[in-house]
């Protein structure tokens, strides 16, 4: 096993333990936790079996295994940016709704001044 594989294993195992800890503490939703467990387990398999990526590159018609990892990483990043954008839009709608409700309530129930 190469030094880079050992370093990768340590980082991945640390990330896996953090995800599991967050799921147990319920500071991460179960669906998100499963997603991140899948991502880190996939990374673990890539580190343990690096030749698989070369095989996958051949099957997909890509030059090298590293290129497959880069392409998949870019796709994953775009997906995550989309999820963040969708969540941000939802939060903005919720904040707007709350602010409107407060404004309407305060109009009909003015605060008493001391």
PDB file of N, CA and C in Angstrom:
ATOM      1  N   UNK A   1       0.852  -1.180   0.000  1.00  0.00           N
ATOM      2  CA  UNK A   1       0.000   0.000   0.000  1.00  0.00           C
ATOM      3  C   UNK A   1       0.897   1.244   0.000  1.00  0.00           C
ATOM      4  N   UNK A   2       0.569   2.165  -0.875  1.00  0.00           N
ATOM      5  CA  UNK A   2       1.344   3.396  -1.011  1.00  0.00           C
ATOM      6  C   UNK A   2       1.035   4.362   0.134  1.00  0.00           C
ATOM      7  N   UNK A   3       1.941   5.299   0.353  1.00  0.00           N
ATOM      8  CA  UNK A   3       1.761   6.293   1.405  1.00  0.00           C
ATOM      9  C   UNK A   3       0.503   7.132   1.167  1.00  0.00           C
ATOM     10  N   UNK A   4       0.239   7.496  -0.102  1.00  0.00           N
ATOM     11  CA  UNK A   4      -0.942   8.305  -0.404  1.00  0.00           C
ATOM     12  C   UNK A   4      -2.217   7.543  -0.075  1.00  0.00           C
ATOM     13  N   UNK A   5      -2.208   6.232  -0.248  1.00  0.00           N
ATOM     14  CA  UNK A   5      -3.375   5.429   0.101  1.00  0.00           C
ATOM     15  C   UNK A   5      -3.595   5.417   1.611  1.00  0.00           C
ATOM     16  N   UNK A   6      -2.530   5.334   2.366  1.00  0.00           N
ATOM     17  CA  UNK A   6      -2.636   5.332   3.822  1.00  0.00           C
ATOM     18  C   UNK A   6      -3.190   6.666   4.307  1.00  0.00           C
ATOM     19  N   UNK A   7      -2.663   7.756   3.751  1.00  0.00           N
ATOM     20  CA  UNK A   7      -3.155   9.092   4.125  1.00  0.00           C
ATOM     21  C   UNK A   7      -4.629   9.218   3.739  1.00  0.00           C
ATOM     22  N   UNK A   8      -4.970   8.765   2.542  1.00  0.00           N
ATOM     23  CA  UNK A   8      -6.370   8.804   2.087  1.00  0.00           C
ATOM     24  C   UNK A   8      -7.279   7.999   3.002  1.00  0.00           C
ATOM     25  N   UNK A   9      -6.825   6.819   3.408  1.00  0.00           N
ATOM     26  CA  UNK A   9      -7.622   5.978   4.313  1.00  0.00           C
ATOM     27  C   UNK A   9      -7.875   6.684   5.641  1.00  0.00           C
ATOM     28  N   UNK A  10      -6.849   7.305   6.175  1.00  0.00           N
ATOM     29  CA  UNK A  10      -6.995   8.008   7.459  1.00  0.00           C
ATOM     30  C   UNK A  10      -8.019   9.138   7.333  1.00  0.00           C
ATOM     31  N   UNK A  11      -7.901   9.919   6.271  1.00  0.00           N
ATOM     32  CA  UNK A  11      -8.829  11.033   6.072  1.00  0.00           C
ATOM     33  C   UNK A  11     -10.261  10.525   5.874  1.00  0.00           C
ATOM     34  N   UNK A  12     -10.414   9.489   5.067  1.00  0.00           N
ATOM     35  CA  UNK A  12     -11.746   8.948   4.793  1.00  0.00           C
ATOM     36  C   UNK A  12     -12.361   8.334   6.044  1.00  0.00           C
ATOM     37  N   UNK A  13     -11.582   7.589   6.807  1.00  0.00           N
ATOM     38  CA  UNK A  13     -12.110   7.001   8.043  1.00  0.00           C
ATOM     39  C   UNK A  13     -12.506   8.090   9.036  1.00  0.00           C
ATOM     40  N   UNK A  14     -11.729   9.162   9.101  1.00  0.00           N
ATOM     41  CA  UNK A  14     -12.089  10.280   9.972  1.00  0.00           C
ATOM     42  C   UNK A  14     -13.417  10.886   9.520  1.00  0.00           C
ATOM     43  N   UNK A  15     -13.560  11.106   8.193  1.00  0.00           N
ATOM     44  CA  UNK A  15     -14.798  11.682   7.666  1.00  0.00           C
ATOM     45  C   UNK A  15     -15.988  10.762   7.926  1.00  0.00           C
ATOM     46  N   UNK A  16     -15.798   9.466   7.763  1.00  0.00           N
ATOM     47  CA  UNK A  16     -16.879   8.508   8.039  1.00  0.00           C
ATOM     48  C   UNK A  16     -17.321   8.563   9.497  1.00  0.00           C
ATOM     49  N   UNK A  17     -16.355   8.642  10.410  1.00  0.00           N
ATOM     50  CA  UNK A  17     -16.721   8.696  11.827  1.00  0.00           C
ATOM     51  C   UNK A  17     -17.468   9.995  12.139  1.00  0.00           C
ATOM     52  N   UNK A  18     -17.082  11.106  11.492  1.00  0.00           N
ATOM     53  CA  UNK A  18     -17.777  12.377  11.717  1.00  0.00           C
ATOM     54  C   UNK A  18     -19.222  12.303  11.218  1.00  0.00           C
ATOM     55  N   UNK A  19     -19.421  11.697  10.058  1.00  0.00           N
ATOM     56  CA  UNK A  19     -20.774  11.574   9.512  1.00  0.00           C
ATOM     57  C   UNK A  19     -21.634  10.704  10.430  1.00  0.00           C
ATOM     58  N   UNK A  20     -21.087   9.581  10.869  1.00  0.00           N
ATOM     59  CA  UNK A  20     -21.839   8.690  11.758  1.00  0.00           C
ATOM     60  C   UNK A  20     -22.175   9.402  13.066  1.00  0.00           C
ATOM     61  N   UNK A  21     -21.223  10.145  13.585  1.00  0.00           N
ATOM     62  CA  UNK A  21     -21.458  10.896  14.825  1.00  0.00           C
ATOM     63  C   UNK A  21     -22.564  11.929  14.636  1.00  0.00           C
ATOM     64  N   UNK A  22     -22.561  12.636  13.511  1.00  0.00           N
ATOM     65  CA  UNK A  22     -23.588  13.644  13.254  1.00  0.00           C
ATOM     66  C   UNK A  22     -24.965  13.009  13.076  1.00  0.00           C
ATOM     67  N   UNK A  23     -25.016  11.835  12.464  1.00  0.00           N
ATOM     68  CA  UNK A  23     -26.295  11.142  12.311  1.00  0.00           C
ATOM     69  C   UNK A  23     -26.832  10.733  13.679  1.00  0.00           C
ATOM     70  N   UNK A  24     -25.957  10.192  14.525  1.00  0.00           N
ATOM     71  CA  UNK A  24     -26.384   9.769  15.864  1.00  0.00           C
ATOM     72  C   UNK A  24     -26.859  10.945  16.705  1.00  0.00           C
ATOM     73  N   UNK A  25     -26.178  12.089  16.591  1.00  0.00           N
ATOM     74  CA  UNK A  25     -26.554  13.281  17.359  1.00  0.00           C
ATOM     75  C   UNK A  25     -27.737  13.995  16.732  1.00  0.00           C
ATOM     76  N   UNK A  26     -28.184  13.509  15.570  1.00  0.00           N
ATOM     77  CA  UNK A  26     -29.292  14.111  14.823  1.00  0.00           C
ATOM     78  C   UNK A  26     -29.008  15.548  14.411  1.00  0.00           C
ATOM     79  N   UNK A  27     -27.743  15.875  14.239  1.00  0.00           N
ATOM     80  CA  UNK A  27     -27.390  17.190  13.724  1.00  0.00           C
ATOM     81  C   UNK A  27     -27.313  17.162  12.197  1.00  0.00           C
ATOM     82  N   UNK A  28     -27.573  15.981  11.627  1.00  0.00           N
ATOM     83  CA  UNK A  28     -27.621  15.815  10.182  1.00  0.00           C
ATOM     84  C   UNK A  28     -28.835  14.940   9.882  1.00  0.00           C
ATOM     85  N   UNK A  29     -29.585  15.311   8.849  1.00  0.00           N
ATOM     86  CA  UNK A  29     -30.735  14.508   8.469  1.00  0.00           C
ATOM     87  C   UNK A  29     -30.273  13.150   7.966  1.00  0.00           C
ATOM     88  N   UNK A  30     -31.110  12.145   8.158  1.00  0.00           N
ATOM     89  CA  UNK A  30     -30.747  10.780   7.790  1.00  0.00           C
ATOM     90  C   UNK A  30     -30.438  10.665   6.297  1.00  0.00           C
ATOM     91  N   UNK A  31     -31.243  11.316   5.456  1.00  0.00           N
ATOM     92  CA  UNK A  31     -31.015  11.239   4.006  1.00  0.00           C
ATOM     93  C   UNK A  31     -29.655  11.826   3.633  1.00  0.00           C
ATOM     94  N   UNK A  32     -29.319  12.962   4.235  1.00  0.00           N
ATOM     95  CA  UNK A  32     -28.017  13.568   3.971  1.00  0.00           C
ATOM     96  C   UNK A  32     -26.899  12.674   4.493  1.00  0.00           C
ATOM     97  N   UNK A  33     -27.111  12.091   5.650  1.00  0.00           N
ATOM     98  CA  UNK A  33     -26.108  11.200   6.231  1.00  0.00           C
ATOM     99  C   UNK A  33     -25.848   9.993   5.343  1.00  0.00           C
ATOM    100  N   UNK A  34     -26.918   9.424   4.810  1.00  0.00           N
ATOM    101  CA  UNK A  34     -26.765   8.272   3.910  1.00  0.00           C
ATOM    102  C   UNK A  34     -26.019   8.691   2.648  1.00  0.00           C
ATOM    103  N   UNK A  35     -26.351   9.868   2.129  1.00  0.00           N
ATOM    104  CA  UNK A  35     -25.650  10.375   0.949  1.00  0.00           C
ATOM    105  C   UNK A  35     -24.152  10.485   1.219  1.00  0.00           C
ATOM    106  N   UNK A  36     -23.790  11.123   2.360  1.00  0.00           N
ATOM    107  CA  UNK A  36     -22.372  11.316   2.667  1.00  0.00           C
ATOM    108  C   UNK A  36     -21.683  10.001   3.012  1.00  0.00           C
ATOM    109  N   UNK A  37     -22.388   9.071   3.642  1.00  0.00           N
ATOM    110  CA  UNK A  37     -21.801   7.747   3.875  1.00  0.00           C
ATOM    111  C   UNK A  37     -21.486   7.077   2.549  1.00  0.00           C
ATOM    112  N   UNK A  38     -22.405   7.175   1.597  1.00  0.00           N
ATOM    113  CA  UNK A  38     -22.185   6.614   0.269  1.00  0.00           C
ATOM    114  C   UNK A  38     -20.964   7.252  -0.401  1.00  0.00           C
ATOM    115  N   UNK A  39     -20.865   8.570  -0.325  1.00  0.00           N
ATOM    116  CA  UNK A  39     -19.737   9.279  -0.957  1.00  0.00           C
ATOM    117  C   UNK A  39     -18.415   8.825  -0.340  1.00  0.00           C
ATOM    118  N   UNK A  40     -18.340   8.784   0.993  1.00  0.00           N
ATOM    119  CA  UNK A  40     -17.086   8.415   1.650  1.00  0.00           C
ATOM    120  C   UNK A  40     -16.762   6.934   1.485  1.00  0.00           C
ATOM    121  N   UNK A  41     -17.780   6.081   1.436  1.00  0.00           N
ATOM    122  CA  UNK A  41     -17.516   4.661   1.189  1.00  0.00           C
ATOM    123  C   UNK A  41     -17.029   4.449  -0.238  1.00  0.00           C
ATOM    124  N   UNK A  42     -17.579   5.203  -1.169  1.00  0.00           N
ATOM    125  CA  UNK A  42     -17.091   5.137  -2.544  1.00  0.00           C
ATOM    126  C   UNK A  42     -15.635   5.599  -2.615  1.00  0.00           C
ATOM    127  N   UNK A  43     -15.324   6.677  -1.903  1.00  0.00           N
ATOM    128  CA  UNK A  43     -13.935   7.157  -1.859  1.00  0.00           C
ATOM    129  C   UNK A  43     -13.022   6.099  -1.244  1.00  0.00           C
ATOM    130  N   UNK A  44     -13.513   5.415  -0.223  1.00  0.00           N
ATOM    131  CA  UNK A  44     -12.734   4.353   0.415  1.00  0.00           C
ATOM    132  C   UNK A  44     -12.431   3.234  -0.581  1.00  0.00           C
ATOM    133  N   UNK A  45     -13.427   2.841  -1.359  1.00  0.00           N
ATOM    134  CA  UNK A  45     -13.210   1.797  -2.365  1.00  0.00           C
ATOM    135  C   UNK A  45     -12.209   2.248  -3.433  1.00  0.00           C
ATOM    136  N   UNK A  46     -12.278   3.515  -3.808  1.00  0.00           N
ATOM    137  CA  UNK A  46     -11.343   4.037  -4.812  1.00  0.00           C
ATOM    138  C   UNK A  46      -9.918   4.019  -4.278  1.00  0.00           C
ATOM    139  N   UNK A  47      -9.756   4.365  -2.998  1.00  0.00           N
ATOM    140  CA  UNK A  47      -8.409   4.365  -2.410  1.00  0.00           C
ATOM    141  C   UNK A  47      -7.883   2.941  -2.262  1.00  0.00           C
ATOM    142  N   UNK A  48      -8.750   2.027  -1.861  1.00  0.00           N
ATOM    143  CA  UNK A  48      -8.305   0.640  -1.659  1.00  0.00           C
ATOM    144  C   UNK A  48      -8.048  -0.060  -2.999  1.00  0.00           C
ATOM    145  N   UNK A  49      -8.919   0.202  -3.998  1.00  0.00           N
ATOM    146  CA  UNK A  49      -8.787  -0.444  -5.307  1.00  0.00           C
ATOM    147  C   UNK A  49      -8.589   0.610  -6.398  1.00  0.00           C
ATOM    148  N   UNK A  50      -7.403   1.209  -6.479  1.00  0.00           N
ATOM    149  CA  UNK A  50      -7.187   2.288  -7.460  1.00  0.00           C
ATOM    150  C   UNK A  50      -7.276   1.809  -8.910  1.00  0.00           C
ATOM    151  N   UNK A  51      -7.007   0.548  -9.173  1.00  0.00           N
ATOM    152  CA  UNK A  51      -7.076   0.043 -10.549  1.00  0.00           C
ATOM    153  C   UNK A  51      -8.503   0.012 -11.080  1.00  0.00           C
ATOM    154  N   UNK A  52      -9.474   0.006 -10.175  1.00  0.00           N
ATOM    155  CA  UNK A  52     -10.872   0.018 -10.610  1.00  0.00           C
ATOM    156  C   UNK A  52     -11.190   1.281 -11.403  1.00  0.00           C
ATOM    157  N   UNK A  53     -10.601   2.396 -11.012  1.00  0.00           N
ATOM    158  CA  UNK A  53     -10.862   3.647 -11.713  1.00  0.00           C
ATOM    159  C   UNK A  53     -10.287   3.603 -13.134  1.00  0.00           C
ATOM    160  N   UNK A  54      -9.166   2.940 -13.296  1.00  0.00           N
ATOM    161  CA  UNK A  54      -8.610   2.780 -14.652  1.00  0.00           C
ATOM    162  C   UNK A  54      -9.535   1.927 -15.504  1.00  0.00           C
ATOM    163  N   UNK A  55     -10.077   0.878 -14.905  1.00  0.00           N
ATOM    164  CA  UNK A  55     -11.044   0.024 -15.613  1.00  0.00           C
ATOM    165  C   UNK A  55     -12.287   0.830 -15.974  1.00  0.00           C
ATOM    166  N   UNK A  56     -12.791   1.612 -15.023  1.00  0.00           N
ATOM    167  CA  UNK A  56     -13.975   2.434 -15.262  1.00  0.00           C
ATOM    168  C   UNK A  56     -13.707   3.473 -16.349  1.00  0.00           C
ATOM    169  N   UNK A  57     -12.500   4.032 -16.355  1.00  0.00           N
ATOM    170  CA  UNK A  57     -12.127   5.006 -17.393  1.00  0.00           C
ATOM    171  C   UNK A  57     -12.171   4.351 -18.769  1.00  0.00           C
ATOM    172  N   UNK A  58     -11.689   3.132 -18.865  1.00  0.00           N
ATOM    173  CA  UNK A  58     -11.711   2.410 -20.137  1.00  0.00           C
ATOM    174  C   UNK A  58     -13.149   2.165 -20.582  1.00  0.00           C
ATOM    175  N   UNK A  59     -13.997   1.746 -19.650  1.00  0.00           N
ATOM    176  CA  UNK A  59     -15.399   1.473 -19.963  1.00  0.00           C
ATOM    177  C   UNK A  59     -16.115   2.750 -20.420  1.00  0.00           C
ATOM    178  N   UNK A  60     -15.831   3.860 -19.753  1.00  0.00           N
ATOM    179  CA  UNK A  60     -16.492   5.127 -20.071  1.00  0.00           C
ATOM    180  C   UNK A  60     -15.844   5.862 -21.243  1.00  0.00           C
ATOM    181  N   UNK A  61     -14.701   5.401 -21.686  1.00  0.00           N
ATOM    182  CA  UNK A  61     -14.026   6.040 -22.805  1.00  0.00           C
ATOM    183  C   UNK A  61     -13.255   7.283 -22.416  1.00  0.00           C
ATOM    184  N   UNK A  62     -12.834   7.333 -21.161  1.00  0.00           N
ATOM    185  CA  UNK A  62     -12.055   8.465 -20.655  1.00  0.00           C
ATOM    186  C   UNK A  62     -10.602   8.018 -20.603  1.00  0.00           C
ATOM    187  N   UNK A  63      -9.683   8.971 -20.725  1.00  0.00           N
ATOM    188  CA  UNK A  63      -8.267   8.642 -20.802  1.00  0.00           C
ATOM    189  C   UNK A  63      -7.704   7.927 -19.587  1.00  0.00           C
ATOM    190  N   UNK A  64      -7.895   8.492 -18.395  1.00  0.00           N
ATOM    191  CA  UNK A  64      -7.279   7.935 -17.192  1.00  0.00           C
ATOM    192  C   UNK A  64      -8.297   7.833 -16.062  1.00  0.00           C
ATOM    193  N   UNK A  65      -7.954   7.033 -15.070  1.00  0.00           N
ATOM    194  CA  UNK A  65      -8.818   6.883 -13.907  1.00  0.00           C
ATOM    195  C   UNK A  65      -8.981   8.180 -13.129  1.00  0.00           C
ATOM    196  N   UNK A  66      -7.921   8.965 -13.088  1.00  0.00           N
ATOM    197  CA  UNK A  66      -7.968  10.248 -12.382  1.00  0.00           C
ATOM    198  C   UNK A  66      -8.960  11.179 -13.063  1.00  0.00           C
ATOM    199  N   UNK A  67      -9.044  11.116 -14.393  1.00  0.00           N
ATOM    200  CA  UNK A  67     -10.000  11.952 -15.112  1.00  0.00           C
ATOM    201  C   UNK A  67     -11.437  11.600 -14.720  1.00  0.00           C
ATOM    202  N   UNK A  68     -11.714  10.323 -14.538  1.00  0.00           N
ATOM    203  CA  UNK A  68     -13.050   9.897 -14.106  1.00  0.00           C
ATOM    204  C   UNK A  68     -13.374  10.501 -12.745  1.00  0.00           C
ATOM    205  N   UNK A  69     -12.411  10.457 -11.852  1.00  0.00           N
ATOM    206  CA  UNK A  69     -12.623  11.023 -10.512  1.00  0.00           C
ATOM    207  C   UNK A  69     -12.896  12.524 -10.608  1.00  0.00           C
ATOM    208  N   UNK A  70     -12.142  13.219 -11.436  1.00  0.00           N
ATOM    209  CA  UNK A  70     -12.342  14.666 -11.596  1.00  0.00           C
ATOM    210  C   UNK A  70     -13.715  14.950 -12.181  1.00  0.00           C
ATOM    211  N   UNK A  71     -14.116  14.221 -13.220  1.00  0.00           N
ATOM    212  CA  UNK A  71     -15.428  14.445 -13.827  1.00  0.00           C
ATOM    213  C   UNK A  71     -16.548  14.169 -12.830  1.00  0.00           C
ATOM    214  N   UNK A  72     -16.438  13.067 -12.112  1.00  0.00           N
ATOM    215  CA  UNK A  72     -17.464  12.733 -11.119  1.00  0.00           C
ATOM    216  C   UNK A  72     -17.497  13.760  -9.988  1.00  0.00           C
ATOM    217  N   UNK A  73     -16.338  14.252  -9.608  1.00  0.00           N
ATOM    218  CA  UNK A  73     -16.275  15.276  -8.553  1.00  0.00           C
ATOM    219  C   UNK A  73     -16.943  16.568  -9.005  1.00  0.00           C
ATOM    220  N   UNK A  74     -16.720  16.952 -10.235  1.00  0.00           N
ATOM    221  CA  UNK A  74     -17.348  18.166 -10.760  1.00  0.00           C
ATOM    222  C   UNK A  74     -18.866  18.000 -10.792  1.00  0.00           C
ATOM    223  N   UNK A  75     -19.327  16.841 -11.247  1.00  0.00           N
ATOM    224  CA  UNK A  75     -20.770  16.576 -11.267  1.00  0.00           C
ATOM    225  C   UNK A  75     -21.342  16.627  -9.850  1.00  0.00           C
ATOM    226  N   UNK A  76     -20.643  16.024  -8.901  1.00  0.00           N
ATOM    227  CA  UNK A  76     -21.090  16.044  -7.506  1.00  0.00           C
ATOM    228  C   UNK A  76     -21.132  17.470  -6.967  1.00  0.00           C
ATOM    229  N   UNK A  77     -20.129  18.266  -7.289  1.00  0.00           N
ATOM    230  CA  UNK A  77     -20.106  19.655  -6.835  1.00  0.00           C
ATOM    231  C   UNK A  77     -21.261  20.462  -7.421  1.00  0.00           C
ATOM    232  N   UNK A  78     -21.553  20.262  -8.697  1.00  0.00           N
ATOM    233  CA  UNK A  78     -22.706  20.947  -9.290  1.00  0.00           C
ATOM    234  C   UNK A  78     -23.998  20.539  -8.590  1.00  0.00           C
ATOM    235  N   UNK A  79     -24.130  19.261  -8.289  1.00  0.00           N
ATOM    236  CA  UNK A  79     -25.323  18.791  -7.586  1.00  0.00           C
ATOM    237  C   UNK A  79     -25.436  19.439  -6.210  1.00  0.00           C
ATOM    238  N   UNK A  80     -24.331  19.506  -5.497  1.00  0.00           N
ATOM    239  CA  UNK A  80     -24.346  20.107  -4.161  1.00  0.00           C
ATOM    240  C   UNK A  80     -24.647  21.600  -4.218  1.00  0.00           C
ATOM    241  N   UNK A  81     -24.117  22.293  -5.210  1.00  0.00           N
ATOM    242  CA  UNK A  81     -24.431  23.716  -5.374  1.00  0.00           C
ATOM    243  C   UNK A  81     -25.923  23.881  -5.655  1.00  0.00           C
ATOM    244  N   UNK A  82     -26.480  23.010  -6.478  1.00  0.00           N
ATOM    245  CA  UNK A  82     -27.915  23.053  -6.746  1.00  0.00           C
ATOM    246  C   UNK A  82     -28.719  22.862  -5.465  1.00  0.00           C
ATOM    247  N   UNK A  83     -28.326  21.879  -4.651  1.00  0.00           N
ATOM    248  CA  UNK A  83     -29.038  21.630  -3.382  1.00  0.00           C
ATOM    249  C   UNK A  83     -28.958  22.839  -2.463  1.00  0.00           C
ATOM    250  N   UNK A  84     -27.792  23.454  -2.383  1.00  0.00           N
ATOM    251  CA  UNK A  84     -27.635  24.651  -1.541  1.00  0.00           C
ATOM    252  C   UNK A  84     -28.510  25.777  -2.084  1.00  0.00           C
ATOM    253  N   UNK A  85     -28.533  25.951  -3.394  1.00  0.00           N
ATOM    254  CA  UNK A  85     -29.356  26.997  -4.009  1.00  0.00           C
ATOM    255  C   UNK A  85     -30.833  26.760  -3.698  1.00  0.00           C
ATOM    256  N   UNK A  86     -31.295  25.525  -3.845  1.00  0.00           N
ATOM    257  CA  UNK A  86     -32.703  25.213  -3.580  1.00  0.00           C
ATOM    258  C   UNK A  86     -33.044  25.461  -2.111  1.00  0.00           C
ATOM    259  N   UNK A  87     -32.163  25.081  -1.219  1.00  0.00           N
ATOM    260  CA  UNK A  87     -32.398  25.291   0.213  1.00  0.00           C
ATOM    261  C   UNK A  87     -32.410  26.788   0.545  1.00  0.00           C
ATOM    262  N   UNK A  88     -31.521  27.538  -0.069  1.00  0.00           N
ATOM    263  CA  UNK A  88     -31.476  28.986   0.156  1.00  0.00           C
ATOM    264  C   UNK A  88     -32.758  29.654  -0.330  1.00  0.00           C
ATOM    265  N   UNK A  89     -33.240  29.255  -1.493  1.00  0.00           N
ATOM    266  CA  UNK A  89     -34.495  29.796  -2.013  1.00  0.00           C
ATOM    267  C   UNK A  89     -35.653  29.490  -1.061  1.00  0.00           C
ATOM    268  N   UNK A  90     -35.694  28.285  -0.528  1.00  0.00           N
ATOM    269  CA  UNK A  90     -36.749  27.900   0.414  1.00  0.00           C
ATOM    270  C   UNK A  90     -36.672  28.755   1.685  1.00  0.00           C
ATOM    271  N   UNK A  91     -35.467  28.958   2.183  1.00  0.00           N
ATOM    272  CA  UNK A  91     -35.297  29.789   3.378  1.00  0.00           C
ATOM    273  C   UNK A  91     -35.742  31.226   3.119  1.00  0.00           C
ATOM    274  N   UNK A  92     -35.419  31.761   1.950  1.00  0.00           N
ATOM    275  CA  UNK A  92     -35.833  33.123   1.611  1.00  0.00           C
ATOM    276  C   UNK A  92     -37.354  33.234   1.582  1.00  0.00           C
ATOM    277  N   UNK A  93     -38.025  32.230   1.006  1.00  0.00           N
ATOM    278  CA  UNK A  93     -39.494  32.249   0.983  1.00  0.00           C
ATOM    279  C   UNK A  93     -40.066  32.181   2.398  1.00  0.00           C
ATOM    280  N   UNK A  94     -39.481  31.344   3.250  1.00  0.00           N
ATOM    281  CA  UNK A  94     -39.959  31.229   4.626  1.00  0.00           C
ATOM    282  C   UNK A  94     -39.750  32.528   5.402  1.00  0.00           C
ATOM    283  N   UNK A  95     -38.602  33.152   5.225  1.00  0.00           N
ATOM    284  CA  UNK A  95     -38.326  34.431   5.905  1.00  0.00           C
ATOM    285  C   UNK A  95     -39.307  35.496   5.429  1.00  0.00           C
ATOM    286  N   UNK A  96     -39.561  35.556   4.129  1.00  0.00           N
ATOM    287  CA  UNK A  96     -40.514  36.533   3.596  1.00  0.00           C
ATOM    288  C   UNK A  96     -41.897  36.316   4.199  1.00  0.00           C
ATOM    289  N   UNK A  97     -42.314  35.081   4.297  1.00  0.00           N
ATOM    290  CA  UNK A  97     -43.625  34.768   4.873  1.00  0.00           C
ATOM    291  C   UNK A  97     -43.699  35.202   6.336  1.00  0.00           C
ATOM    292  N   UNK A  98     -42.667  34.924   7.097  1.00  0.00           N
ATOM    293  CA  UNK A  98     -42.644  35.292   8.521  1.00  0.00           C
ATOM    294  C   UNK A  98     -42.659  36.809   8.681  1.00  0.00           C
ATOM    295  N   UNK A  99     -41.861  37.504   7.887  1.00  0.00           N
ATOM    296  CA  UNK A  99     -41.813  38.969   7.976  1.00  0.00           C
ATOM    297  C   UNK A  99     -43.179  39.565   7.635  1.00  0.00           C
ATOM    298  N   UNK A 100     -43.841  39.022   6.614  1.00  0.00           N
ATOM    299  CA  UNK A 100     -45.178  39.517   6.265  1.00  0.00           C
ATOM    300  C   UNK A 100     -46.165  39.297   7.410  1.00  0.00           C
ATOM    301  N   UNK A 101     -46.128  38.111   8.011  1.00  0.00           N
ATOM    302  CA  UNK A 101     -47.032  37.814   9.123  1.00  0.00           C
ATOM    303  C   UNK A 101     -46.783  38.748  10.304  1.00  0.00           C
ATOM    304  N   UNK A 102     -45.531  39.018  10.593  1.00  0.00           N
ATOM    305  CA  UNK A 102     -45.200  39.939  11.697  1.00  0.00           C
ATOM    306  C   UNK A 102     -45.678  41.344  11.370  1.00  0.00           C
ATOM    307  N   UNK A 103     -45.487  41.774  10.125  1.00  0.00           N
ATOM    308  CA  UNK A 103     -45.911  43.117   9.729  1.00  0.00           C
ATOM    309  C   UNK A 103     -47.432  43.265   9.838  1.00  0.00           C
ATOM    310  N   UNK A 104     -48.160  42.253   9.406  1.00  0.00           N
ATOM    311  CA  UNK A 104     -49.620  42.299   9.503  1.00  0.00           C
ATOM    312  C   UNK A 104     -50.060  42.292  10.961  1.00  0.00           C
ATOM    313  N   UNK A 105     -49.448  41.443  11.762  1.00  0.00           N
ATOM    314  CA  UNK A 105     -49.794  41.372  13.182  1.00  0.00           C
ATOM    315  C   UNK A 105     -49.507  42.697  13.880  1.00  0.00           C
ATOM    316  N   UNK A 106     -48.371  43.286  13.610  1.00  0.00           N
ATOM    317  CA  UNK A 106     -48.007  44.553  14.263  1.00  0.00           C
ATOM    318  C   UNK A 106     -48.889  45.710  13.799  1.00  0.00           C
ATOM    319  N   UNK A 107     -49.422  45.617  12.610  1.00  0.00           N
ATOM    320  CA  UNK A 107     -50.296  46.687  12.127  1.00  0.00           C
ATOM    321  C   UNK A 107     -51.599  46.706  12.914  1.00  0.00           C
ATOM    322  N   UNK A 108     -52.109  45.520  13.203  1.00  0.00           N
ATOM    323  CA  UNK A 108     -53.389  45.442  13.905  1.00  0.00           C
ATOM    324  C   UNK A 108     -53.237  45.346  15.414  1.00  0.00           C
ATOM    325  N   UNK A 109     -52.069  44.988  15.865  1.00  0.00           N
ATOM    326  CA  UNK A 109     -51.798  44.904  17.294  1.00  0.00           C
ATOM    327  C   UNK A 109     -50.552  45.725  17.589  1.00  0.00           C
ATOM    328  N   UNK A 110     -50.666  47.047  17.604  1.00  0.00           N
ATOM    329  CA  UNK A 110     -49.468  47.877  17.796  1.00  0.00           C
ATOM    330  C   UNK A 110     -48.882  47.630  19.178  1.00  0.00           C
ATOM    331  N   UNK A 111     -47.569  47.736  19.226  1.00  0.00           N
ATOM    332  CA  UNK A 111     -46.862  47.543  20.505  1.00  0.00           C
ATOM    333  C   UNK A 111     -47.147  48.716  21.413  1.00  0.00           C
ATOM    334  N   UNK A 112     -47.278  48.426  22.690  1.00  0.00           N
ATOM    335  CA  UNK A 112     -47.455  49.481  23.687  1.00  0.00           C
ATOM    336  C   UNK A 112     -46.120  50.076  24.002  1.00  0.00           C
ATOM    337  N   UNK A 113     -46.073  51.390  24.004  1.00  0.00           N
ATOM    338  CA  UNK A 113     -44.805  52.075  24.322  1.00  0.00           C
ATOM    339  C   UNK A 113     -44.765  52.368  25.810  1.00  0.00           C
ATOM    340  N   UNK A 114     -43.613  52.217  26.376  1.00  0.00           N
ATOM    341  CA  UNK A 114     -43.449  52.464  27.823  1.00  0.00           C
ATOM    342  C   UNK A 114     -43.321  53.905  28.122  1.00  0.00           C
TER     343      UNK A 114
END
